[in-house]
Amino acid sequence: MSEFLQAERVATAKGTLERLRINMRQAILGKDDVIEQLIICLAAGGHLLIEDLPGVGKTTLAYALARSTDCVFSRIQFTSDLLPSDVTGVAIYDEATKEFVFKPGPVFANIVLADEINRAPPKTQSALLEVMDRAKVTVDGEAHAVGSPFMVFATQNPVDYEGTFPLPESQMDRFLMRMRMGYPQHADEIEILRTARSGYDSISLNAVASRADVTAIQALVPQVFVEDSILDFILRIIAATRTEVEFKAGASVRGGLALRTAAQARAIVNGRDFVLPDDVVELVPAVLAHRLALARQSGDALEERRSVGAHLKRILSALPPPV
């Protein structure tokens, strides 16, 4: 690909993502950093986990993304009695044809909101593992492709809330990024009170990007250049988590790949076809923190997350980025 064509495609992708950012600001007030991380995750083709208290706009964020990209939106309310087949679908015997016919579940969409995912038992949570990896569901030995693009947008309450099940490590590793919404600023919350929407489905947003636009951006991200020194920097960060005595185990190979891909996506968001060290540094907390656990757990989930973040910050401060 010529340098001119590559630059033109990057500029087009940046323009599309900027329109998406501006459009979503109409529904999500005062959360530009949250919107940016969401857009990076979307461009990278990854899945997002948002952990926060109820009522801070997690569902609204997912719905606004679907409306802005003209994607099919599906919401699954995870509960303690939810079955795996309630998520993926089930084969039903058809008396007329004398055959089993597959009835797709709600996971067959583009933007799938797995709401309060940690309220379902681990068996049901694990129903998402294959579809998050391969964008396919296998039922009775037959594979069924879900939508394209495909993104699982999972929300969870703090795990020390009553009636919640911690996500297994294999499940956490499938999420490209994890972030928090946080409470809005005073002026933004005043505006939210003034508009008084009755629910997320009352949001009126026009689509500013198509599904084809999103898949084109996701295909462009792997072509973003990553210099060898940047790859070495990523590996040094991953290796440092594996030798950190405060962590039960270090980041996996998938964690390193996720950090590289997210950095490439951030470069596209900023209109570049090459990765800078800042792209890596800025994304370390969102990409790696949920993949790590403390060796000595206190039982206080929020405090443990803060400790993991502090250890990652210390690791980064001890690793000079490439010039």
C-alpha atoms as a PDB file:
ATOM      1  CA  MET A   1       0.000   0.000   0.000  1.00  0.00           C
ATOM      2  CA  SER A   2       1.353   3.425  -0.970  1.00  0.00           C
ATOM      3  CA  GLU A   3       2.145   5.923   1.764  1.00  0.00           C
ATOM      4  CA  PHE A   4      -0.423   8.332   0.278  1.00  0.00           C
ATOM      5  CA  LEU A   5      -3.206   5.748   0.313  1.00  0.00           C
ATOM      6  CA  GLN A   6      -2.292   4.685   3.854  1.00  0.00           C
ATOM      7  CA  ALA A   7      -2.332   8.320   5.030  1.00  0.00           C
ATOM      8  CA  GLU A   8      -5.692   8.885   3.327  1.00  0.00           C
ATOM      9  CA  ARG A   9      -7.223   5.839   5.017  1.00  0.00           C
ATOM     10  CA  VAL A  10      -5.883   6.890   8.419  1.00  0.00           C
ATOM     11  CA  ALA A  11      -7.284  10.399   7.960  1.00  0.00           C
ATOM     12  CA  THR A  12     -10.664   8.974   6.960  1.00  0.00           C
ATOM     13  CA  ALA A  13     -10.688   6.669   9.987  1.00  0.00           C
ATOM     14  CA  LYS A  14      -9.757   9.527  12.317  1.00  0.00           C
ATOM     15  CA  GLY A  15     -12.574  11.656  10.885  1.00  0.00           C
ATOM     16  CA  THR A  16     -15.107   8.871  11.365  1.00  0.00           C
ATOM     17  CA  LEU A  17     -14.036   8.270  14.957  1.00  0.00           C
ATOM     18  CA  GLU A  18     -14.113  12.003  15.702  1.00  0.00           C
ATOM     19  CA  ARG A  19     -17.698  12.232  14.415  1.00  0.00           C
ATOM     20  CA  LEU A  20     -18.540   9.275  16.606  1.00  0.00           C
ATOM     21  CA  ARG A  21     -16.976  10.965  19.627  1.00  0.00           C
ATOM     22  CA  ILE A  22     -18.878  14.226  19.049  1.00  0.00           C
ATOM     23  CA  ASN A  23     -22.163  12.411  18.505  1.00  0.00           C
ATOM     24  CA  MET A  24     -21.882  10.367  21.689  1.00  0.00           C
ATOM     25  CA  ARG A  25     -21.185  13.495  23.734  1.00  0.00           C
ATOM     26  CA  GLN A  26     -24.825  14.444  23.186  1.00  0.00           C
ATOM     27  CA  ALA A  27     -25.920  11.473  25.301  1.00  0.00           C
ATOM     28  CA  ILE A  28     -22.925  11.045  27.636  1.00  0.00           C
ATOM     29  CA  LEU A  29     -22.171  14.358  29.306  1.00  0.00           C
ATOM     30  CA  GLY A  30     -18.772  15.213  30.765  1.00  0.00           C
ATOM     31  CA  LYS A  31     -17.194  11.820  30.112  1.00  0.00           C
ATOM     32  CA  ASP A  32     -14.814  12.531  27.246  1.00  0.00           C
ATOM     33  CA  ASP A  33     -12.146  10.205  28.666  1.00  0.00           C
ATOM     34  CA  VAL A  34     -14.649   7.354  28.916  1.00  0.00           C
ATOM     35  CA  ILE A  35     -15.860   7.935  25.352  1.00  0.00           C
ATOM     36  CA  GLU A  36     -12.268   7.995  24.067  1.00  0.00           C
ATOM     37  CA  GLN A  37     -11.413   4.676  25.705  1.00  0.00           C
ATOM     38  CA  LEU A  38     -14.620   3.155  24.355  1.00  0.00           C
ATOM     39  CA  ILE A  39     -13.770   4.330  20.834  1.00  0.00           C
ATOM     40  CA  ILE A  40     -10.246   2.903  21.151  1.00  0.00           C
ATOM     41  CA  CYS A  41     -11.697  -0.436  22.225  1.00  0.00           C
ATOM     42  CA  LEU A  42     -14.177  -0.405  19.328  1.00  0.00           C
ATOM     43  CA  ALA A  43     -11.473   0.438  16.781  1.00  0.00           C
ATOM     44  CA  ALA A  44      -9.284  -2.359  18.141  1.00  0.00           C
ATOM     45  CA  GLY A  45     -12.129  -4.855  17.717  1.00  0.00           C
ATOM     46  CA  GLY A  46     -12.055  -5.686  21.421  1.00  0.00           C
ATOM     47  CA  HIS A  47     -14.573  -6.187  24.199  1.00  0.00           C
ATOM     48  CA  LEU A  48     -15.110  -3.769  27.059  1.00  0.00           C
ATOM     49  CA  LEU A  49     -15.838  -4.327  30.748  1.00  0.00           C
ATOM     50  CA  ILE A  50     -17.180  -1.407  32.775  1.00  0.00           C
ATOM     51  CA  GLU A  51     -17.250  -1.874  36.511  1.00  0.00           C
ATOM     52  CA  ASP A  52     -19.094   0.703  38.552  1.00  0.00           C
ATOM     53  CA  LEU A  53     -22.072   1.362  40.760  1.00  0.00           C
ATOM     54  CA  PRO A  54     -25.604   1.131  39.316  1.00  0.00           C
ATOM     55  CA  GLY A  55     -27.110   4.208  37.727  1.00  0.00           C
ATOM     56  CA  VAL A  56     -24.033   6.028  36.432  1.00  0.00           C
ATOM     57  CA  GLY A  57     -24.755   5.591  32.699  1.00  0.00           C
ATOM     58  CA  LYS A  58     -23.161   2.283  31.700  1.00  0.00           C
ATOM     59  CA  THR A  59     -26.196   1.058  29.743  1.00  0.00           C
ATOM     60  CA  THR A  60     -26.695   4.477  28.166  1.00  0.00           C
ATOM     61  CA  LEU A  61     -23.087   4.431  26.944  1.00  0.00           C
ATOM     62  CA  ALA A  62     -23.541   1.086  25.162  1.00  0.00           C
ATOM     63  CA  TYR A  63     -26.850   2.118  23.599  1.00  0.00           C
ATOM     64  CA  ALA A  64     -25.430   5.449  22.413  1.00  0.00           C
ATOM     65  CA  LEU A  65     -22.587   3.589  20.706  1.00  0.00           C
ATOM     66  CA  ALA A  66     -25.011   1.274  18.903  1.00  0.00           C
ATOM     67  CA  ARG A  67     -27.190   4.169  17.737  1.00  0.00           C
ATOM     68  CA  SER A  68     -24.188   6.182  16.569  1.00  0.00           C
ATOM     69  CA  THR A  69     -22.825   3.316  14.453  1.00  0.00           C
ATOM     70  CA  ASP A  70     -26.128   1.966  13.087  1.00  0.00           C
ATOM     71  CA  CYS A  71     -25.395  -1.351  14.821  1.00  0.00           C
ATOM     72  CA  VAL A  72     -27.896  -3.945  16.003  1.00  0.00           C
ATOM     73  CA  PHE A  73     -28.154  -3.604  19.766  1.00  0.00           C
ATOM     74  CA  SER A  74     -28.995  -6.433  22.149  1.00  0.00           C
ATOM     75  CA  ARG A  75     -29.284  -6.317  25.929  1.00  0.00           C
ATOM     76  CA  ILE A  76     -28.964  -9.412  28.109  1.00  0.00           C
ATOM     77  CA  GLN A  77     -29.859  -9.005  31.756  1.00  0.00           C
ATOM     78  CA  PHE A  78     -27.680 -11.476  33.610  1.00  0.00           C
ATOM     79  CA  THR A  79     -29.370 -13.086  36.618  1.00  0.00           C
ATOM     80  CA  SER A  80     -28.634 -15.994  38.922  1.00  0.00           C
ATOM     81  CA  ASP A  81     -31.030 -18.298  37.021  1.00  0.00           C
ATOM     82  CA  LEU A  82     -29.860 -17.375  33.504  1.00  0.00           C
ATOM     83  CA  LEU A  83     -28.839 -20.432  31.448  1.00  0.00           C
ATOM     84  CA  PRO A  84     -26.089 -20.572  28.790  1.00  0.00           C
ATOM     85  CA  SER A  85     -28.720 -21.349  26.127  1.00  0.00           C
ATOM     86  CA  ASP A  86     -30.547 -18.144  27.115  1.00  0.00           C
ATOM     87  CA  VAL A  87     -27.468 -16.298  25.865  1.00  0.00           C
ATOM     88  CA  THR A  88     -26.284 -18.264  22.839  1.00  0.00           C
ATOM     89  CA  GLY A  89     -29.488 -19.854  21.563  1.00  0.00           C
ATOM     90  CA  VAL A  90     -30.792 -23.396  21.355  1.00  0.00           C
ATOM     91  CA  ALA A  91     -31.640 -26.085  18.790  1.00  0.00           C
ATOM     92  CA  ILE A  92     -35.384 -26.841  18.779  1.00  0.00           C
ATOM     93  CA  TYR A  93     -36.995 -29.841  17.136  1.00  0.00           C
ATOM     94  CA  ASP A  94     -39.292 -28.858  14.263  1.00  0.00           C
ATOM     95  CA  GLU A  95     -42.208 -31.264  13.879  1.00  0.00           C
ATOM     96  CA  ALA A  96     -42.845 -30.152  10.296  1.00  0.00           C
ATOM     97  CA  THR A  97     -39.339 -30.799   8.964  1.00  0.00           C
ATOM     98  CA  LYS A  98     -38.415 -33.520  11.481  1.00  0.00           C
ATOM     99  CA  GLU A  99     -35.145 -31.698  12.084  1.00  0.00           C
ATOM    100  CA  PHE A 100     -33.560 -29.587  14.785  1.00  0.00           C
ATOM    101  CA  VAL A 101     -33.606 -25.878  13.946  1.00  0.00           C
ATOM    102  CA  PHE A 102     -31.264 -23.425  15.629  1.00  0.00           C
ATOM    103  CA  LYS A 103     -32.959 -20.457  17.292  1.00  0.00           C
ATOM    104  CA  PRO A 104     -30.348 -17.692  17.788  1.00  0.00           C
ATOM    105  CA  GLY A 105     -30.050 -16.129  21.213  1.00  0.00           C
ATOM    106  CA  PRO A 106     -29.611 -12.430  22.016  1.00  0.00           C
ATOM    107  CA  VAL A 107     -25.854 -12.674  21.529  1.00  0.00           C
ATOM    108  CA  PHE A 108     -26.498 -12.513  17.775  1.00  0.00           C
ATOM    109  CA  ALA A 109     -26.117  -8.751  17.360  1.00  0.00           C
ATOM    110  CA  ASN A 110     -23.382  -6.171  16.798  1.00  0.00           C
ATOM    111  CA  ILE A 111     -23.281  -4.479  20.193  1.00  0.00           C
ATOM    112  CA  VAL A 112     -24.214  -6.926  22.957  1.00  0.00           C
ATOM    113  CA  LEU A 113     -24.762  -5.426  26.390  1.00  0.00           C
ATOM    114  CA  ALA A 114     -24.134  -8.094  29.021  1.00  0.00           C
ATOM    115  CA  ASP A 115     -25.706  -6.172  31.872  1.00  0.00           C
ATOM    116  CA  GLU A 116     -24.548  -7.031  35.407  1.00  0.00           C
ATOM    117  CA  ILE A 117     -22.593  -9.978  34.060  1.00  0.00           C
ATOM    118  CA  ASN A 118     -21.327 -10.971  37.491  1.00  0.00           C
ATOM    119  CA  ARG A 119     -24.848 -11.689  38.733  1.00  0.00           C
ATOM    120  CA  ALA A 120     -24.880 -14.900  36.672  1.00  0.00           C
ATOM    121  CA  PRO A 121     -23.052 -18.052  37.829  1.00  0.00           C
ATOM    122  CA  PRO A 122     -19.679 -18.886  36.209  1.00  0.00           C
ATOM    123  CA  LYS A 123     -21.216 -21.522  33.886  1.00  0.00           C
ATOM    124  CA  THR A 124     -23.419 -18.905  32.229  1.00  0.00           C
ATOM    125  CA  GLN A 125     -20.621 -16.323  32.164  1.00  0.00           C
ATOM    126  CA  SER A 126     -18.475 -18.867  30.323  1.00  0.00           C
ATOM    127  CA  ALA A 127     -21.078 -19.119  27.563  1.00  0.00           C
ATOM    128  CA  LEU A 128     -19.532 -15.922  26.210  1.00  0.00           C
ATOM    129  CA  LEU A 129     -15.977 -17.271  25.990  1.00  0.00           C
ATOM    130  CA  GLU A 130     -16.165 -18.748  22.477  1.00  0.00           C
ATOM    131  CA  VAL A 131     -18.191 -15.928  20.955  1.00  0.00           C
ATOM    132  CA  MET A 132     -15.823 -13.311  22.413  1.00  0.00           C
ATOM    133  CA  ASP A 133     -12.841 -15.134  20.898  1.00  0.00           C
ATOM    134  CA  ARG A 134     -14.182 -16.186  17.501  1.00  0.00           C
ATOM    135  CA  ALA A 135     -17.433 -14.234  16.990  1.00  0.00           C
ATOM    136  CA  LYS A 136     -19.107 -17.618  16.572  1.00  0.00           C
ATOM    137  CA  VAL A 137     -21.412 -19.825  18.608  1.00  0.00           C
ATOM    138  CA  THR A 138     -21.182 -23.613  18.393  1.00  0.00           C
ATOM    139  CA  VAL A 139     -24.365 -25.559  19.133  1.00  0.00           C
ATOM    140  CA  ASP A 140     -24.596 -29.313  18.542  1.00  0.00           C
ATOM    141  CA  GLY A 141     -21.313 -29.240  16.647  1.00  0.00           C
ATOM    142  CA  GLU A 142     -22.429 -26.543  14.207  1.00  0.00           C
ATOM    143  CA  ALA A 143     -20.836 -23.080  14.219  1.00  0.00           C
ATOM    144  CA  HIS A 144     -22.990 -19.990  13.753  1.00  0.00           C
ATOM    145  CA  ALA A 145     -21.422 -16.583  13.077  1.00  0.00           C
ATOM    146  CA  VAL A 146     -22.724 -13.596  15.009  1.00  0.00           C
ATOM    147  CA  GLY A 147     -22.852 -10.005  13.761  1.00  0.00           C
ATOM    148  CA  SER A 148     -20.016  -8.043  12.197  1.00  0.00           C
ATOM    149  CA  PRO A 149     -18.694  -5.935  13.773  1.00  0.00           C
ATOM    150  CA  PHE A 150     -19.173  -7.647  17.105  1.00  0.00           C
ATOM    151  CA  MET A 151     -18.518  -6.206  20.550  1.00  0.00           C
ATOM    152  CA  VAL A 152     -19.450  -7.443  24.002  1.00  0.00           C
ATOM    153  CA  PHE A 153     -20.047  -4.509  26.294  1.00  0.00           C
ATOM    154  CA  ALA A 154     -20.253  -5.988  29.777  1.00  0.00           C
ATOM    155  CA  THR A 155     -21.155  -4.149  32.957  1.00  0.00           C
ATOM    156  CA  GLN A 156     -20.695  -5.350  36.484  1.00  0.00           C
ATOM    157  CA  ASN A 157     -21.261  -4.065  39.959  1.00  0.00           C
ATOM    158  CA  PRO A 158     -18.428  -4.291  42.502  1.00  0.00           C
ATOM    159  CA  VAL A 159     -17.941  -7.960  43.317  1.00  0.00           C
ATOM    160  CA  ASP A 160     -18.419  -7.444  47.034  1.00  0.00           C
ATOM    161  CA  TYR A 161     -22.055  -6.504  46.380  1.00  0.00           C
ATOM    162  CA  GLU A 162     -24.512  -9.153  47.585  1.00  0.00           C
ATOM    163  CA  GLY A 163     -25.502 -11.739  44.978  1.00  0.00           C
ATOM    164  CA  THR A 164     -22.506 -11.362  42.670  1.00  0.00           C
ATOM    165  CA  PHE A 165     -20.029 -13.934  41.349  1.00  0.00           C
ATOM    166  CA  PRO A 166     -16.443 -12.913  40.505  1.00  0.00           C
ATOM    167  CA  LEU A 167     -15.649 -13.371  36.819  1.00  0.00           C
ATOM    168  CA  PRO A 168     -13.178 -16.226  36.243  1.00  0.00           C
ATOM    169  CA  GLU A 169      -9.681 -15.210  35.154  1.00  0.00           C
ATOM    170  CA  SER A 170     -10.167 -16.746  31.699  1.00  0.00           C
ATOM    171  CA  GLN A 171     -13.226 -14.539  31.217  1.00  0.00           C
ATOM    172  CA  MET A 172     -11.459 -11.381  32.395  1.00  0.00           C
ATOM    173  CA  ASP A 173      -8.600 -12.068  29.979  1.00  0.00           C
ATOM    174  CA  ARG A 174     -11.044 -11.886  27.034  1.00  0.00           C
ATOM    175  CA  PHE A 175     -11.869  -8.254  27.700  1.00  0.00           C
ATOM    176  CA  LEU A 176      -9.497  -5.936  25.889  1.00  0.00           C
ATOM    177  CA  MET A 177     -10.092  -3.117  28.365  1.00  0.00           C
ATOM    178  CA  ARG A 178     -11.748  -2.365  31.683  1.00  0.00           C
ATOM    179  CA  MET A 179     -12.744   1.071  32.890  1.00  0.00           C
ATOM    180  CA  ARG A 180     -15.018   2.920  35.285  1.00  0.00           C
ATOM    181  CA  MET A 181     -17.652   5.572  34.545  1.00  0.00           C
ATOM    182  CA  GLY A 182     -17.540   7.506  37.810  1.00  0.00           C
ATOM    183  CA  TYR A 183     -20.003  10.154  38.916  1.00  0.00           C
ATOM    184  CA  PRO A 184     -20.567  13.157  36.609  1.00  0.00           C
ATOM    185  CA  GLN A 185     -19.380  16.648  37.445  1.00  0.00           C
ATOM    186  CA  HIS A 186     -21.854  19.017  39.113  1.00  0.00           C
ATOM    187  CA  ALA A 187     -22.665  21.032  35.971  1.00  0.00           C
ATOM    188  CA  ASP A 188     -23.113  17.874  33.899  1.00  0.00           C
ATOM    189  CA  GLU A 189     -25.402  16.307  36.492  1.00  0.00           C
ATOM    190  CA  ILE A 190     -27.502  19.467  36.547  1.00  0.00           C
ATOM    191  CA  GLU A 191     -27.931  19.099  32.784  1.00  0.00           C
ATOM    192  CA  ILE A 192     -28.846  15.426  33.203  1.00  0.00           C
ATOM    193  CA  LEU A 193     -31.504  16.379  35.759  1.00  0.00           C
ATOM    194  CA  ARG A 194     -32.796  19.085  33.430  1.00  0.00           C
ATOM    195  CA  THR A 195     -33.206  16.785  30.416  1.00  0.00           C
ATOM    196  CA  ALA A 196     -34.873  14.081  32.563  1.00  0.00           C
ATOM    197  CA  ARG A 197     -34.798  11.217  30.073  1.00  0.00           C
ATOM    198  CA  SER A 198     -37.058   8.332  31.032  1.00  0.00           C
ATOM    199  CA  GLY A 199     -34.608   5.669  29.903  1.00  0.00           C
ATOM    200  CA  TYR A 200     -31.712   4.851  27.612  1.00  0.00           C
ATOM    201  CA  ASP A 201     -34.030   3.816  24.756  1.00  0.00           C
ATOM    202  CA  SER A 202     -35.422   7.361  24.627  1.00  0.00           C
ATOM    203  CA  ILE A 203     -32.050   8.650  23.416  1.00  0.00           C
ATOM    204  CA  SER A 204     -32.354  10.167  19.955  1.00  0.00           C
ATOM    205  CA  LEU A 205     -29.037   9.949  18.120  1.00  0.00           C
ATOM    206  CA  ASN A 206     -28.434   9.805  14.392  1.00  0.00           C
ATOM    207  CA  ALA A 207     -25.952   7.281  13.038  1.00  0.00           C
ATOM    208  CA  VAL A 208     -22.728   9.043  12.038  1.00  0.00           C
ATOM    209  CA  ALA A 209     -20.898   5.852  11.004  1.00  0.00           C
ATOM    210  CA  SER A 210     -21.974   2.615   9.396  1.00  0.00           C
ATOM    211  CA  ARG A 211     -21.124  -0.952  10.307  1.00  0.00           C
ATOM    212  CA  ALA A 212     -18.938  -1.043   7.183  1.00  0.00           C
ATOM    213  CA  ASP A 213     -17.055   2.025   8.459  1.00  0.00           C
ATOM    214  CA  VAL A 214     -16.357   0.274  11.766  1.00  0.00           C
ATOM    215  CA  THR A 215     -15.135  -2.951  10.157  1.00  0.00           C
ATOM    216  CA  ALA A 216     -12.908  -0.926   7.785  1.00  0.00           C
ATOM    217  CA  ILE A 217     -11.293   0.846  10.758  1.00  0.00           C
ATOM    218  CA  GLN A 218     -10.820  -2.454  12.578  1.00  0.00           C
ATOM    219  CA  ALA A 219      -9.108  -3.870   9.480  1.00  0.00           C
ATOM    220  CA  LEU A 220      -6.806  -0.823   9.337  1.00  0.00           C
ATOM    221  CA  VAL A 221      -5.625  -1.014  12.958  1.00  0.00           C
ATOM    222  CA  PRO A 222      -3.317  -4.072  12.509  1.00  0.00           C
ATOM    223  CA  GLN A 223      -1.509  -2.180   9.726  1.00  0.00           C
ATOM    224  CA  VAL A 224      -0.399   0.588  12.096  1.00  0.00           C
ATOM    225  CA  PHE A 225       3.392   0.435  12.361  1.00  0.00           C
ATOM    226  CA  VAL A 226       4.892  -0.643  15.682  1.00  0.00           C
ATOM    227  CA  GLU A 227       8.662  -0.118  15.866  1.00  0.00           C
ATOM    228  CA  ASP A 228      10.741  -2.880  17.460  1.00  0.00           C
ATOM    229  CA  SER A 229      11.693  -0.685  20.403  1.00  0.00           C
ATOM    230  CA  ILE A 230       7.986  -0.205  21.178  1.00  0.00           C
ATOM    231  CA  LEU A 231       7.441  -3.975  21.041  1.00  0.00           C
ATOM    232  CA  ASP A 232      10.385  -4.406  23.399  1.00  0.00           C
ATOM    233  CA  PHE A 233       8.867  -1.779  25.721  1.00  0.00           C
ATOM    234  CA  ILE A 234       5.554  -3.670  25.776  1.00  0.00           C
ATOM    235  CA  LEU A 235       7.331  -6.932  26.528  1.00  0.00           C
ATOM    236  CA  ARG A 236       9.350  -5.337  29.345  1.00  0.00           C
ATOM    237  CA  ILE A 237       6.098  -4.165  30.937  1.00  0.00           C
ATOM    238  CA  ILE A 238       4.557  -7.635  30.613  1.00  0.00           C
ATOM    239  CA  ALA A 239       7.703  -9.288  31.975  1.00  0.00           C
ATOM    240  CA  ALA A 240       7.758  -6.910  34.942  1.00  0.00           C
ATOM    241  CA  THR A 241       4.234  -7.998  35.932  1.00  0.00           C
ATOM    242  CA  ARG A 242       5.429 -11.615  35.901  1.00  0.00           C
ATOM    243  CA  THR A 243       8.291 -10.938  38.301  1.00  0.00           C
ATOM    244  CA  GLU A 244       6.331  -8.598  40.583  1.00  0.00           C
ATOM    245  CA  VAL A 245       6.030 -10.407  43.920  1.00  0.00           C
ATOM    246  CA  GLU A 246       2.814  -8.547  44.785  1.00  0.00           C
ATOM    247  CA  PHE A 247       0.977 -10.190  41.883  1.00  0.00           C
ATOM    248  CA  LYS A 248      -0.348 -13.737  42.052  1.00  0.00           C
ATOM    249  CA  ALA A 249       0.539 -14.172  38.375  1.00  0.00           C
ATOM    250  CA  GLY A 250       1.729 -11.876  35.614  1.00  0.00           C
ATOM    251  CA  ALA A 251      -0.035 -10.786  32.456  1.00  0.00           C
ATOM    252  CA  SER A 252      -0.531 -13.466  29.818  1.00  0.00           C
ATOM    253  CA  VAL A 253       0.653 -13.446  26.215  1.00  0.00           C
ATOM    254  CA  ARG A 254      -2.875 -12.341  25.324  1.00  0.00           C
ATOM    255  CA  GLY A 255      -2.329  -9.350  27.605  1.00  0.00           C
ATOM    256  CA  GLY A 256       0.748  -8.289  25.634  1.00  0.00           C
ATOM    257  CA  LEU A 257      -1.090  -8.662  22.331  1.00  0.00           C
ATOM    258  CA  ALA A 258      -4.000  -6.664  23.731  1.00  0.00           C
ATOM    259  CA  LEU A 259      -1.701  -3.829  24.783  1.00  0.00           C
ATOM    260  CA  ARG A 260      -0.110  -3.698  21.323  1.00  0.00           C
ATOM    261  CA  THR A 261      -3.493  -3.712  19.537  1.00  0.00           C
ATOM    262  CA  ALA A 262      -4.964  -1.065  21.829  1.00  0.00           C
ATOM    263  CA  ALA A 263      -1.910   1.143  21.241  1.00  0.00           C
ATOM    264  CA  GLN A 264      -2.360   0.753  17.486  1.00  0.00           C
ATOM    265  CA  ALA A 265      -6.017   1.744  17.821  1.00  0.00           C
ATOM    266  CA  ARG A 266      -5.083   4.809  19.888  1.00  0.00           C
ATOM    267  CA  ALA A 267      -2.674   5.844  17.147  1.00  0.00           C
ATOM    268  CA  ILE A 268      -5.543   5.711  14.601  1.00  0.00           C
ATOM    269  CA  VAL A 269      -7.781   7.742  16.929  1.00  0.00           C
ATOM    270  CA  ASN A 270      -5.047  10.391  16.983  1.00  0.00           C
ATOM    271  CA  GLY A 271      -4.546  10.290  13.200  1.00  0.00           C
ATOM    272  CA  ARG A 272      -1.227   8.422  13.122  1.00  0.00           C
ATOM    273  CA  ASP A 273      -0.147   5.266  11.327  1.00  0.00           C
ATOM    274  CA  PHE A 274       2.591   4.552  13.886  1.00  0.00           C
ATOM    275  CA  VAL A 275       2.598   3.885  17.631  1.00  0.00           C
ATOM    276  CA  LEU A 276       4.297   6.167  20.156  1.00  0.00           C
ATOM    277  CA  PRO A 277       5.441   5.167  23.654  1.00  0.00           C
ATOM    278  CA  ASP A 278       2.701   7.413  25.073  1.00  0.00           C
ATOM    279  CA  ASP A 279       0.083   5.198  23.395  1.00  0.00           C
ATOM    280  CA  VAL A 280       1.351   2.255  25.406  1.00  0.00           C
ATOM    281  CA  VAL A 281       1.786   4.099  28.700  1.00  0.00           C
ATOM    282  CA  GLU A 282      -1.692   5.652  28.612  1.00  0.00           C
ATOM    283  CA  LEU A 283      -3.389   2.306  28.029  1.00  0.00           C
ATOM    284  CA  VAL A 284      -1.535   0.109  30.532  1.00  0.00           C
ATOM    285  CA  PRO A 285      -4.074   0.574  33.376  1.00  0.00           C
ATOM    286  CA  ALA A 286      -7.135  -0.079  31.209  1.00  0.00           C
ATOM    287  CA  VAL A 287      -5.620  -3.065  29.394  1.00  0.00           C
ATOM    288  CA  LEU A 288      -3.647  -4.837  32.119  1.00  0.00           C
ATOM    289  CA  ALA A 289      -5.158  -4.052  35.533  1.00  0.00           C
ATOM    290  CA  HIS A 290      -8.111  -6.448  35.239  1.00  0.00           C
ATOM    291  CA  ARG A 291      -5.781  -9.285  34.185  1.00  0.00           C
ATOM    292  CA  LEU A 292      -3.793  -9.089  37.434  1.00  0.00           C
ATOM    293  CA  ALA A 293      -4.597 -10.139  41.003  1.00  0.00           C
ATOM    294  CA  LEU A 294      -2.754  -9.580  44.239  1.00  0.00           C
ATOM    295  CA  ALA A 295      -0.868 -12.481  45.791  1.00  0.00           C
ATOM    296  CA  ARG A 296      -2.250 -11.522  49.197  1.00  0.00           C
ATOM    297  CA  GLN A 297      -5.894 -10.659  48.769  1.00  0.00           C
ATOM    298  CA  SER A 298      -7.592  -8.589  51.450  1.00  0.00           C
ATOM    299  CA  GLY A 299     -11.191  -9.320  50.531  1.00  0.00           C
ATOM    300  CA  ASP A 300     -11.837  -5.652  49.764  1.00  0.00           C
ATOM    301  CA  ALA A 301     -12.306  -5.610  45.969  1.00  0.00           C
ATOM    302  CA  LEU A 302     -12.045  -1.842  45.564  1.00  0.00           C
ATOM    303  CA  GLU A 303      -8.870  -1.609  47.641  1.00  0.00           C
ATOM    304  CA  GLU A 304      -7.286  -4.468  45.681  1.00  0.00           C
ATOM    305  CA  ARG A 305      -7.978  -2.707  42.396  1.00  0.00           C
ATOM    306  CA  ARG A 306      -6.329   0.443  43.714  1.00  0.00           C
ATOM    307  CA  SER A 307      -3.310  -1.581  44.821  1.00  0.00           C
ATOM    308  CA  VAL A 308      -2.972  -3.231  41.397  1.00  0.00           C
ATOM    309  CA  GLY A 309      -3.116   0.210  39.776  1.00  0.00           C
ATOM    310  CA  ALA A 310      -0.452   1.546  42.140  1.00  0.00           C
ATOM    311  CA  HIS A 311       1.874  -1.382  41.390  1.00  0.00           C
ATOM    312  CA  LEU A 312       1.417  -0.871  37.636  1.00  0.00           C
ATOM    313  CA  LYS A 313       2.223   2.817  38.024  1.00  0.00           C
ATOM    314  CA  ARG A 314       5.390   1.914  39.924  1.00  0.00           C
ATOM    315  CA  ILE A 315       6.380  -0.585  37.225  1.00  0.00           C
ATOM    316  CA  LEU A 316       5.944   2.048  34.513  1.00  0.00           C
ATOM    317  CA  SER A 317       7.978   4.619  36.448  1.00  0.00           C
ATOM    318  CA  ALA A 318      10.872   2.134  36.651  1.00  0.00           C
ATOM    319  CA  LEU A 319      10.836   1.312  32.917  1.00  0.00           C
ATOM    320  CA  PRO A 320      12.193   4.107  30.711  1.00  0.00           C
ATOM    321  CA  PRO A 321      10.201   4.304  27.453  1.00  0.00           C
ATOM    322  CA  PRO A 322      12.071   4.161  24.159  1.00  0.00           C
ATOM    323  CA  VAL A 323      13.162   7.486  22.661  1.00  0.00           C
END
